[in-house]
Amino acid sequence: MDKRLYKMMGAALATSLWLAPVSVQAAHIDFDRHSHESASQTAVHHERQTTAKAQQTAKAVQAEPSWYWLGSDDKYSKYFDPASVVITASVVTDRGKVPTEIKVWTKTTYSYGGAQETLEAYGLSSKFPDPNQLAYSTAQLVIKPQYRTIQYAAEHFYNKNGEIIWSKADPKAVEKEINSQQFDEDFYAAAVDQAFHQNVEKERVTAKNRWLTVFDVTTTDGVRTHIKADTSTMRMHGENLVFWQWQETKDHSGQVREIKFLKMAVNLPQATEKAIAGKYWTPAEGWKSLEAAIDGQYRMVTPNSPEYKYIVELRHYVENNYAWVHRYSLE
C-alpha cells in the first residue's frame, strides 16, 4: 500500500526541531482510479476482470492468517503474517543462496481519519462517501532486498463485516523504493527480517543512532547547513555507497530556509558524489521534485574543501560497519 507524505509535512518540518527526519504516514497513491463516472465501457470491463482476479487472490489471505502487530498511530495500525513470507527468487553466491525476491501478506486497519485519507487518495471517495465503509485492507507485497523496493501485487479493501468492497491485482505494479518517508517501511523491514531469519532491519529502522551526522557547518553570516545520512538505507554497490540523506539549511535566526531529501551515490575511493533522486522544500513553494535538476553526473569533493569531512565520515562508517553495508550483496 503506497502512501503519500502528509499534506502538512512542509509546514511541520519548518517548525520542527533541528533535523528530526522521522517516518511520515500518509495516504495511498500509485493505483488507477476506477471510480470515475466517465470511464469508458472498455475501462469498466477491464476493472471488473482485474477485481475478479484480485478477489481470487484474497482467498489465500482469508484462510487463517496469523497477523503480527508492527505498530500503530492515530490513523493506521500495521500487521504482517510471518507465515506468508516466501522467497520466490534467489542467487547462488560464495556465501550460499541469497534471496532476491520475497513475497508477504500485510494488513492495515483504519481509524475514521485514516480511511478518509486513503479513500481520497485512491479516488474512491465518491464510491464510498462514508469512510466507515473501509475498516481494513490486506495487500501482497513483492520485495527486492538488494534495492529496498516493493511492489503491490494485490490489494483488497474490506468493510467491518469482512466483505471485500474494492480490489486490485497488478503483477506488474511499479516498484517503489523504501526510505524513511514511506508508510511501508515497517512492512519491508519485517518481511526481510523474516526471510533472512534475523532482526537487523527492524533494529536499524528504530535505532536511536539511525541518522548519522556527516556534515555540519556554519558560515560567517550565520547560515548553517546540516546533513544526516540514513544508515538504514546504506548499502554498497561496487565502490559506491548508496543511501538517502536529509539536508537542512537554516538562516542566522534559526529559521529553516530549505530542505533537501536526496538519494545519493558516493564513490568512496574517488571521493565523488552524485544525486540519484530527491525532493526540495522551501517555505514559499513547499515540496518540489528535483528530478529535472539532477543530471546524473559525479561531482568531485576536494580534500581541502569543508565538504571533505562528509567523505571522511562515510568512509569511517563503512569501515566500521562492513557487514551491514554489504548485507544481501550478490557480489
Foldseek 3Di string as FASTA:
>chain_A
DWFDADPCVQVCVQPDDPDDLAAGGGADAQDAQLPDPPDDPVSVVVQVVQFVVQVVVVVVVVPDFDWDWQDDDQFKTKTWGLVQKDQDDWDQAPVGTFGFKIKTKMKMFGDQVNLVRHCVNSNNCVVPVRSQQFGMKMFMWIAGVVQQKIFTQKMFTGHPVRDTPHMGGDNPGDIDHDDRHIPCQSVSQVSVCSVVVHNVLVCLSPPPPQWAWQAWDADPQQKIKTKTWGLSAWADDDQWTWTWMKIWIAGNVGGTAKIKIFTKIARLVQQKIFTDWIWMAGPVPGIDTCVVVGPPDIDHDDPPDSSVSNSVRVVVVCVVPVCSRHPSPRD
